[in-house]
């Protein structure tokens, strides 16, 4: 559990390096079955995470979003890079 929260923090730091704003939003489960996702508003990326989602789901949403970016020239902690490269 603690490891997942640390991993989530590392992913949030990486998003910051990519100038992606990460927001925890209270998404009503009635409106959507999703746990969040990446969107672009006026040229700025925003990654919305459902505040009610568990840490593991938030990690999956972040990984899926961050995999869309070129991460070659950015230092990423090895455990995070491995997750990004091997998670489908």
Protein backbone atom coordinates (compact mmCIF):
# COMPACT_ATOMS: atom_id res chain seq x y z
CA UNK A 1 0.00 0.00 0.00
CA UNK A 2 2.70 2.46 1.01
CA UNK A 3 4.75 1.50 -2.07
CA UNK A 4 1.80 2.35 -4.32
CA UNK A 5 1.40 5.79 -2.74
CA UNK A 6 5.10 6.50 -3.27
CA UNK A 7 4.80 5.32 -6.88
CA UNK A 8 1.82 7.63 -7.37
CA UNK A 9 3.92 10.54 -6.03
CA UNK A 10 6.72 9.71 -8.49
CA UNK A 11 4.21 9.65 -11.35
CA UNK A 12 2.82 13.02 -10.24
CA UNK A 13 6.37 14.44 -10.21
CA UNK A 14 6.92 13.14 -13.73
CA UNK A 15 3.66 14.74 -14.86
CA UNK A 16 4.92 18.01 -13.38
CA UNK A 17 8.12 17.76 -15.44
CA UNK A 18 5.92 17.38 -18.52
CA UNK A 19 3.87 20.41 -17.43
CA UNK A 20 0.77 18.30 -16.97
CA UNK A 21 -1.56 19.61 -14.29
CA UNK A 22 -2.78 16.71 -12.14
CA UNK A 23 -6.11 17.28 -10.43
CA UNK A 24 -8.01 15.08 -8.01
CA UNK A 25 -11.65 15.65 -8.83
CA UNK A 26 -14.73 14.33 -7.10
CA UNK A 27 -16.27 12.54 -10.08
CA UNK A 28 -19.73 11.17 -9.47
CA UNK A 29 -19.79 7.49 -10.29
CA UNK A 30 -23.33 7.99 -11.62
CA UNK A 31 -22.01 10.19 -14.41
CA UNK A 32 -19.13 7.97 -15.49
CA UNK A 33 -17.59 4.61 -14.87
CA UNK A 34 -14.13 6.07 -15.38
CA UNK A 35 -11.38 6.80 -12.92
CA UNK A 36 -10.16 9.84 -14.84
CA UNK A 37 -7.94 10.57 -17.79
CA UNK A 38 -5.90 13.04 -19.78
CA UNK A 39 -7.46 16.00 -21.52
CA UNK A 40 -6.19 19.13 -23.21
CA UNK A 41 -7.69 22.52 -22.48
CA UNK A 42 -6.48 25.59 -24.37
CA UNK A 43 -3.18 23.90 -25.18
CA UNK A 44 -2.52 22.75 -21.61
CA UNK A 45 -2.66 19.12 -20.54
CA UNK A 46 -4.74 18.27 -17.50
CA UNK A 47 -4.78 14.81 -15.96
CA UNK A 48 -7.94 14.30 -13.96
CA UNK A 49 -8.01 11.58 -11.32
CA UNK A 50 -11.18 10.52 -9.58
CA UNK A 51 -10.59 11.34 -5.91
CA UNK A 52 -12.77 8.35 -4.98
CA UNK A 53 -10.63 5.90 -6.99
CA UNK A 54 -8.14 3.73 -5.14
CA UNK A 55 -4.40 4.33 -5.47
CA UNK A 56 -3.89 1.40 -7.86
CA UNK A 57 -6.55 2.77 -10.27
CA UNK A 58 -5.00 6.25 -10.11
CA UNK A 59 -1.60 4.75 -10.98
CA UNK A 60 -3.10 2.98 -13.99
CA UNK A 61 -4.74 6.18 -15.23
CA UNK A 62 -1.47 8.09 -14.84
CA UNK A 63 0.60 5.40 -16.56
CA UNK A 64 -1.77 5.30 -19.52
CA UNK A 65 -1.64 9.09 -19.85
CA UNK A 66 2.13 9.42 -19.43
CA UNK A 67 2.84 6.68 -21.98
CA UNK A 68 1.53 9.06 -24.65
CA UNK A 69 4.52 11.39 -24.19
CA UNK A 70 8.14 11.14 -25.33
CA UNK A 71 9.98 10.34 -22.11
CA UNK A 72 13.40 9.58 -23.62
CA UNK A 73 15.11 12.79 -22.49
CA UNK A 74 13.63 12.92 -18.99
CA UNK A 75 15.20 11.30 -15.95
CA UNK A 76 12.71 8.87 -14.51
CA UNK A 77 13.33 6.67 -11.49
CA UNK A 78 14.05 3.13 -12.75
CA UNK A 79 11.02 1.58 -11.03
CA UNK A 80 8.74 4.17 -12.66
CA UNK A 81 10.33 3.78 -16.11
CA UNK A 82 9.89 0.02 -15.85
CA UNK A 83 6.22 0.47 -15.03
CA UNK A 84 5.74 2.86 -17.96
CA UNK A 85 7.50 0.54 -20.41
CA UNK A 86 5.85 -2.72 -19.38
CA UNK A 87 2.28 -1.75 -18.50
CA UNK A 88 -0.27 -2.07 -21.28
